[in-house]
Amino acid sequence: MAKATSPAIEDLFEHIEDAVAALEGGELPLEQALTRYEAGLRAMKQARGILDRYAARLEQVRTDDGASADKADVE
């Protein structure tokens, strides 16, 4: 079974910005406003997950680099 791919974070940011702009316009009927709000929240959660994964990767790189530097100092 193929793994679902996440949208690009830039696409998620664009989706969030579009939702915010539509909601700030104040012209949407209540049902559409609620739908846009929910979609924006979903995009925010997805973006947050991606950012959290990036942060974990960066921390791993920093930890790995630090361990490599410590090992080089001993030799």
C-alpha atoms as a PDB file:
ATOM      1  CA  MET A   1       0.000   0.000   0.000  1.00  0.00           C
ATOM      2  CA  ALA A   2       1.406   3.393  -0.993  1.00  0.00           C
ATOM      3  CA  LYS A   3       2.077   5.919   1.718  1.00  0.00           C
ATOM      4  CA  ALA A   4       0.113   9.162   1.371  1.00  0.00           C
ATOM      5  CA  THR A   5       2.346  12.145   0.798  1.00  0.00           C
ATOM      6  CA  SER A   6       2.004  15.340   2.760  1.00  0.00           C
ATOM      7  CA  PRO A   7       1.384  18.566   0.890  1.00  0.00           C
ATOM      8  CA  ALA A   8       4.332  20.938   0.672  1.00  0.00           C
ATOM      9  CA  ILE A   9       4.503  23.282   3.619  1.00  0.00           C
ATOM     10  CA  GLU A  10       4.417  26.249   1.249  1.00  0.00           C
ATOM     11  CA  ASP A  11       1.091  24.986  -0.120  1.00  0.00           C
ATOM     12  CA  LEU A  12      -0.251  24.673   3.411  1.00  0.00           C
ATOM     13  CA  PHE A  13       0.836  28.222   4.247  1.00  0.00           C
ATOM     14  CA  GLU A  14      -0.891  29.482   1.098  1.00  0.00           C
ATOM     15  CA  HIS A  15      -4.064  27.603   2.048  1.00  0.00           C
ATOM     16  CA  ILE A  16      -3.967  29.128   5.533  1.00  0.00           C
ATOM     17  CA  GLU A  17      -3.417  32.632   4.139  1.00  0.00           C
ATOM     18  CA  ASP A  18      -6.330  32.189   1.722  1.00  0.00           C
ATOM     19  CA  ALA A  19      -8.614  31.022   4.530  1.00  0.00           C
ATOM     20  CA  VAL A  20      -7.630  33.958   6.735  1.00  0.00           C
ATOM     21  CA  ALA A  21      -8.177  36.446   3.907  1.00  0.00           C
ATOM     22  CA  ALA A  22     -11.614  34.999   3.138  1.00  0.00           C
ATOM     23  CA  LEU A  23     -12.616  35.097   6.807  1.00  0.00           C
ATOM     24  CA  GLU A  24     -11.300  38.624   7.331  1.00  0.00           C
ATOM     25  CA  GLY A  25     -13.297  39.793   4.325  1.00  0.00           C
ATOM     26  CA  GLY A  26     -16.461  39.203   6.316  1.00  0.00           C
ATOM     27  CA  GLU A  27     -18.511  38.440   3.216  1.00  0.00           C
ATOM     28  CA  LEU A  28     -18.876  34.675   3.612  1.00  0.00           C
ATOM     29  CA  PRO A  29     -22.134  33.141   4.781  1.00  0.00           C
ATOM     30  CA  LEU A  30     -21.797  31.475   8.174  1.00  0.00           C
ATOM     31  CA  GLU A  31     -21.653  27.896   6.825  1.00  0.00           C
ATOM     32  CA  GLN A  32     -18.917  28.767   4.325  1.00  0.00           C
ATOM     33  CA  ALA A  33     -16.999  30.714   6.963  1.00  0.00           C
ATOM     34  CA  LEU A  34     -17.094  27.713   9.283  1.00  0.00           C
ATOM     35  CA  THR A  35     -15.958  25.402   6.487  1.00  0.00           C
ATOM     36  CA  ARG A  36     -13.038  27.726   5.617  1.00  0.00           C
ATOM     37  CA  TYR A  37     -12.114  28.016   9.290  1.00  0.00           C
ATOM     38  CA  GLU A  38     -12.065  24.236   9.722  1.00  0.00           C
ATOM     39  CA  ALA A  39      -9.984  23.794   6.561  1.00  0.00           C
ATOM     40  CA  GLY A  40      -7.553  26.440   7.793  1.00  0.00           C
ATOM     41  CA  LEU A  41      -7.201  24.672  11.138  1.00  0.00           C
ATOM     42  CA  ARG A  42      -6.506  21.355   9.396  1.00  0.00           C
ATOM     43  CA  ALA A  43      -3.828  23.025   7.271  1.00  0.00           C
ATOM     44  CA  MET A  44      -2.305  24.587  10.391  1.00  0.00           C
ATOM     45  CA  LYS A  45      -2.135  21.204  12.133  1.00  0.00           C
ATOM     46  CA  GLN A  46      -0.492  19.642   9.092  1.00  0.00           C
ATOM     47  CA  ALA A  47       2.009  22.501   8.844  1.00  0.00           C
ATOM     48  CA  ARG A  48       2.766  22.231  12.570  1.00  0.00           C
ATOM     49  CA  GLY A  49       3.464  18.510  12.165  1.00  0.00           C
ATOM     50  CA  ILE A  50       5.856  19.187   9.293  1.00  0.00           C
ATOM     51  CA  LEU A  51       7.625  21.933  11.256  1.00  0.00           C
ATOM     52  CA  ASP A  52       7.936  19.614  14.261  1.00  0.00           C
ATOM     53  CA  ARG A  53       9.511  16.925  12.046  1.00  0.00           C
ATOM     54  CA  TYR A  54      11.943  19.497  10.612  1.00  0.00           C
ATOM     55  CA  ALA A  55      12.873  20.601  14.127  1.00  0.00           C
ATOM     56  CA  ALA A  56      13.517  17.002  15.164  1.00  0.00           C
ATOM     57  CA  ARG A  57      15.699  16.454  12.093  1.00  0.00           C
ATOM     58  CA  LEU A  58      17.692  19.609  12.837  1.00  0.00           C
ATOM     59  CA  GLU A  59      18.171  18.558  16.442  1.00  0.00           C
ATOM     60  CA  GLN A  60      19.374  15.140  15.273  1.00  0.00           C
ATOM     61  CA  VAL A  61      21.867  16.759  12.903  1.00  0.00           C
ATOM     62  CA  ARG A  62      23.128  19.023  15.688  1.00  0.00           C
ATOM     63  CA  THR A  63      23.435  16.063  18.054  1.00  0.00           C
ATOM     64  CA  ASP A  64      25.219  13.958  15.431  1.00  0.00           C
ATOM     65  CA  ASP A  65      27.598  16.825  14.590  1.00  0.00           C
ATOM     66  CA  GLY A  66      28.327  17.376  18.267  1.00  0.00           C
ATOM     67  CA  ALA A  67      29.084  13.706  18.794  1.00  0.00           C
ATOM     68  CA  SER A  68      31.383  13.717  15.755  1.00  0.00           C
ATOM     69  CA  ALA A  69      33.221  16.776  17.047  1.00  0.00           C
ATOM     70  CA  ASP A  70      33.625  15.212  20.512  1.00  0.00           C
ATOM     71  CA  LYS A  71      34.959  12.010  18.964  1.00  0.00           C
ATOM     72  CA  ALA A  72      37.446  13.956  16.823  1.00  0.00           C
ATOM     73  CA  ASP A  73      38.715  15.816  19.923  1.00  0.00           C
ATOM     74  CA  VAL A  74      39.514  12.504  21.649  1.00  0.00           C
ATOM     75  CA  GLU A  75      41.553  11.159  18.737  1.00  0.00           C
END
